[in-house]
């Protein structure tokens, strides 16, 4: 069963940058991969995804223009480059993967991102 692990979170000042990594236990080049986040008291929501074919990326409006998702299939990794971070980006960030048309699965433990001065 596919297992994913997130890393790269931390404390950063507003306007700063972080790069999150999502590494897989096995080849996941055939899967769509998404980054999600959950802030305290809020539901977990999808913020970025990258397709299995062509590396087509999609973003939630809240992060569009600031975050970039990318994948390196030989390294079994997907990244989330986060720039111009805002306090409202504070959340636990998760990655998950799915076959097109299926539900996301393979959730990791998440990585905490805190944006504060």
C-alpha atoms as a PDB file:
ATOM      1  CA  UNK A   1       0.000   0.000   0.000  1.00  0.00           C
ATOM      2  CA  UNK A   2       1.305   3.404  -0.953  1.00  0.00           C
ATOM      3  CA  UNK A   3       2.576   5.474   1.945  1.00  0.00           C
ATOM      4  CA  UNK A   4       3.422   9.146   1.754  1.00  0.00           C
ATOM      5  CA  UNK A   5       5.506  11.291   4.082  1.00  0.00           C
ATOM      6  CA  UNK A   6       5.540  15.068   4.262  1.00  0.00           C
ATOM      7  CA  UNK A   7       8.487  17.171   5.397  1.00  0.00           C
ATOM      8  CA  UNK A   8       9.848  20.684   5.228  1.00  0.00           C
ATOM      9  CA  UNK A   9       7.464  22.561   7.461  1.00  0.00           C
ATOM     10  CA  UNK A  10       8.516  25.052  10.086  1.00  0.00           C
ATOM     11  CA  UNK A  11       8.207  28.574  11.408  1.00  0.00           C
ATOM     12  CA  UNK A  12       8.630  31.375   8.896  1.00  0.00           C
ATOM     13  CA  UNK A  13       8.005  35.104   8.945  1.00  0.00           C
ATOM     14  CA  UNK A  14       5.319  36.692   6.767  1.00  0.00           C
ATOM     15  CA  UNK A  15       6.643  37.146   3.258  1.00  0.00           C
ATOM     16  CA  UNK A  16       9.016  34.242   3.623  1.00  0.00           C
ATOM     17  CA  UNK A  17       9.269  30.953   1.730  1.00  0.00           C
ATOM     18  CA  UNK A  18       9.264  27.245   2.439  1.00  0.00           C
ATOM     19  CA  UNK A  19       9.471  24.163   0.275  1.00  0.00           C
ATOM     20  CA  UNK A  20       7.525  21.125   1.362  1.00  0.00           C
ATOM     21  CA  UNK A  21       8.352  17.635   0.190  1.00  0.00           C
ATOM     22  CA  UNK A  22       6.104  14.626  -0.214  1.00  0.00           C
ATOM     23  CA  UNK A  23       7.961  11.364  -0.652  1.00  0.00           C
ATOM     24  CA  UNK A  24       6.381   8.062  -1.600  1.00  0.00           C
ATOM     25  CA  UNK A  25       7.152   4.500  -0.548  1.00  0.00           C
ATOM     26  CA  UNK A  26       6.822   3.314  -4.135  1.00  0.00           C
ATOM     27  CA  UNK A  27       6.516   4.587  -7.669  1.00  0.00           C
ATOM     28  CA  UNK A  28       3.532   6.918  -7.901  1.00  0.00           C
ATOM     29  CA  UNK A  29       4.118   8.362 -11.347  1.00  0.00           C
ATOM     30  CA  UNK A  30       0.728   7.048 -12.509  1.00  0.00           C
ATOM     31  CA  UNK A  31      -1.121   8.894  -9.754  1.00  0.00           C
ATOM     32  CA  UNK A  32      -2.462  12.397  -9.302  1.00  0.00           C
ATOM     33  CA  UNK A  33      -0.916  13.999  -6.222  1.00  0.00           C
ATOM     34  CA  UNK A  34      -2.498  16.716  -4.136  1.00  0.00           C
ATOM     35  CA  UNK A  35      -1.405  18.997  -1.329  1.00  0.00           C
ATOM     36  CA  UNK A  36      -3.979  19.751   1.335  1.00  0.00           C
ATOM     37  CA  UNK A  37      -3.949  21.856   4.450  1.00  0.00           C
ATOM     38  CA  UNK A  38      -5.927  22.043   7.649  1.00  0.00           C
ATOM     39  CA  UNK A  39      -5.909  25.088   9.874  1.00  0.00           C
ATOM     40  CA  UNK A  40      -7.123  24.898  13.492  1.00  0.00           C
ATOM     41  CA  UNK A  41     -10.886  24.650  13.623  1.00  0.00           C
ATOM     42  CA  UNK A  42     -11.226  24.286   9.862  1.00  0.00           C
ATOM     43  CA  UNK A  43     -11.728  21.402   7.474  1.00  0.00           C
ATOM     44  CA  UNK A  44      -8.889  19.972   5.454  1.00  0.00           C
ATOM     45  CA  UNK A  45      -8.945  21.341   1.920  1.00  0.00           C
ATOM     46  CA  UNK A  46      -7.151  20.769  -1.360  1.00  0.00           C
ATOM     47  CA  UNK A  47      -4.831  23.630  -2.291  1.00  0.00           C
ATOM     48  CA  UNK A  48      -2.799  22.227  -5.176  1.00  0.00           C
ATOM     49  CA  UNK A  49      -2.680  19.149  -7.374  1.00  0.00           C
ATOM     50  CA  UNK A  50      -0.511  17.826 -10.157  1.00  0.00           C
ATOM     51  CA  UNK A  51      -1.619  15.351 -12.777  1.00  0.00           C
ATOM     52  CA  UNK A  52      -0.021  12.032 -13.588  1.00  0.00           C
ATOM     53  CA  UNK A  53       0.288  12.837 -17.287  1.00  0.00           C
ATOM     54  CA  UNK A  54       1.827  16.090 -18.403  1.00  0.00           C
ATOM     55  CA  UNK A  55       2.324  17.425 -14.904  1.00  0.00           C
ATOM     56  CA  UNK A  56      -0.688  19.727 -15.177  1.00  0.00           C
ATOM     57  CA  UNK A  57      -1.097  21.713 -11.970  1.00  0.00           C
ATOM     58  CA  UNK A  58      -4.143  23.306 -10.398  1.00  0.00           C
ATOM     59  CA  UNK A  59      -4.395  25.641  -7.425  1.00  0.00           C
ATOM     60  CA  UNK A  60      -6.927  26.972  -5.006  1.00  0.00           C
ATOM     61  CA  UNK A  61      -7.525  30.693  -5.390  1.00  0.00           C
ATOM     62  CA  UNK A  62      -6.047  31.303  -1.952  1.00  0.00           C
ATOM     63  CA  UNK A  63      -2.584  30.153  -3.055  1.00  0.00           C
ATOM     64  CA  UNK A  64      -2.589  30.825  -6.796  1.00  0.00           C
ATOM     65  CA  UNK A  65       0.430  32.859  -7.845  1.00  0.00           C
ATOM     66  CA  UNK A  66       2.291  32.163  -4.592  1.00  0.00           C
ATOM     67  CA  UNK A  67       2.576  28.370  -4.422  1.00  0.00           C
ATOM     68  CA  UNK A  68       4.000  26.016  -7.044  1.00  0.00           C
ATOM     69  CA  UNK A  69       3.556  22.262  -7.118  1.00  0.00           C
ATOM     70  CA  UNK A  70       6.031  20.072  -8.975  1.00  0.00           C
ATOM     71  CA  UNK A  71       6.968  16.413  -9.166  1.00  0.00           C
ATOM     72  CA  UNK A  72      10.129  14.376  -9.648  1.00  0.00           C
ATOM     73  CA  UNK A  73       8.976  10.875 -10.489  1.00  0.00           C
ATOM     74  CA  UNK A  74      12.429   9.181 -10.417  1.00  0.00           C
ATOM     75  CA  UNK A  75      12.829  10.494  -6.862  1.00  0.00           C
ATOM     76  CA  UNK A  76       9.249   9.509  -5.992  1.00  0.00           C
ATOM     77  CA  UNK A  77       8.657  13.026  -4.738  1.00  0.00           C
ATOM     78  CA  UNK A  78       6.263  15.925  -5.112  1.00  0.00           C
ATOM     79  CA  UNK A  79       7.129  19.386  -3.874  1.00  0.00           C
ATOM     80  CA  UNK A  80       5.211  22.468  -2.851  1.00  0.00           C
ATOM     81  CA  UNK A  81       7.166  25.696  -3.139  1.00  0.00           C
ATOM     82  CA  UNK A  82       5.464  28.322  -1.009  1.00  0.00           C
ATOM     83  CA  UNK A  83       6.395  31.968  -1.462  1.00  0.00           C
ATOM     84  CA  UNK A  84       5.018  35.211  -0.039  1.00  0.00           C
ATOM     85  CA  UNK A  85       3.659  33.336   2.935  1.00  0.00           C
ATOM     86  CA  UNK A  86       0.910  34.910   4.997  1.00  0.00           C
ATOM     87  CA  UNK A  87      -0.265  34.230   8.560  1.00  0.00           C
ATOM     88  CA  UNK A  88      -3.410  32.672   7.111  1.00  0.00           C
ATOM     89  CA  UNK A  89      -1.247  29.994   5.479  1.00  0.00           C
ATOM     90  CA  UNK A  90      -0.595  28.592   8.953  1.00  0.00           C
ATOM     91  CA  UNK A  91      -1.829  24.998   8.939  1.00  0.00           C
ATOM     92  CA  UNK A  92      -0.837  21.369   8.901  1.00  0.00           C
ATOM     93  CA  UNK A  93      -0.010  20.424   5.322  1.00  0.00           C
ATOM     94  CA  UNK A  94      -0.682  16.953   3.934  1.00  0.00           C
ATOM     95  CA  UNK A  95      -0.129  15.207   0.646  1.00  0.00           C
ATOM     96  CA  UNK A  96      -2.164  12.380  -0.826  1.00  0.00           C
ATOM     97  CA  UNK A  97      -2.403  10.554  -4.131  1.00  0.00           C
ATOM     98  CA  UNK A  98      -5.086   8.978  -6.263  1.00  0.00           C
ATOM     99  CA  UNK A  99      -5.861   7.363  -9.547  1.00  0.00           C
ATOM    100  CA  UNK A 100      -7.804   9.781 -11.761  1.00  0.00           C
ATOM    101  CA  UNK A 101     -11.467   9.594 -10.796  1.00  0.00           C
ATOM    102  CA  UNK A 102     -10.809   7.939  -7.448  1.00  0.00           C
ATOM    103  CA  UNK A 103     -10.568   9.392  -3.933  1.00  0.00           C
ATOM    104  CA  UNK A 104      -7.304  10.584  -2.479  1.00  0.00           C
ATOM    105  CA  UNK A 105      -5.465   8.100  -0.274  1.00  0.00           C
ATOM    106  CA  UNK A 106      -2.054   7.381   1.270  1.00  0.00           C
ATOM    107  CA  UNK A 107      -2.269  10.251   3.752  1.00  0.00           C
ATOM    108  CA  UNK A 108       0.886  11.040   5.708  1.00  0.00           C
ATOM    109  CA  UNK A 109       1.238  12.541   9.185  1.00  0.00           C
ATOM    110  CA  UNK A 110       1.404  16.063   7.861  1.00  0.00           C
ATOM    111  CA  UNK A 111       3.909  18.827   8.426  1.00  0.00           C
ATOM    112  CA  UNK A 112       3.206  21.977  10.409  1.00  0.00           C
ATOM    113  CA  UNK A 113       3.682  25.346   8.752  1.00  0.00           C
ATOM    114  CA  UNK A 114       3.482  28.398  10.980  1.00  0.00           C
ATOM    115  CA  UNK A 115       3.698  31.894   9.521  1.00  0.00           C
ATOM    116  CA  UNK A 116       4.270  34.441  12.242  1.00  0.00           C
ATOM    117  CA  UNK A 117       6.492  37.339  13.140  1.00  0.00           C
END
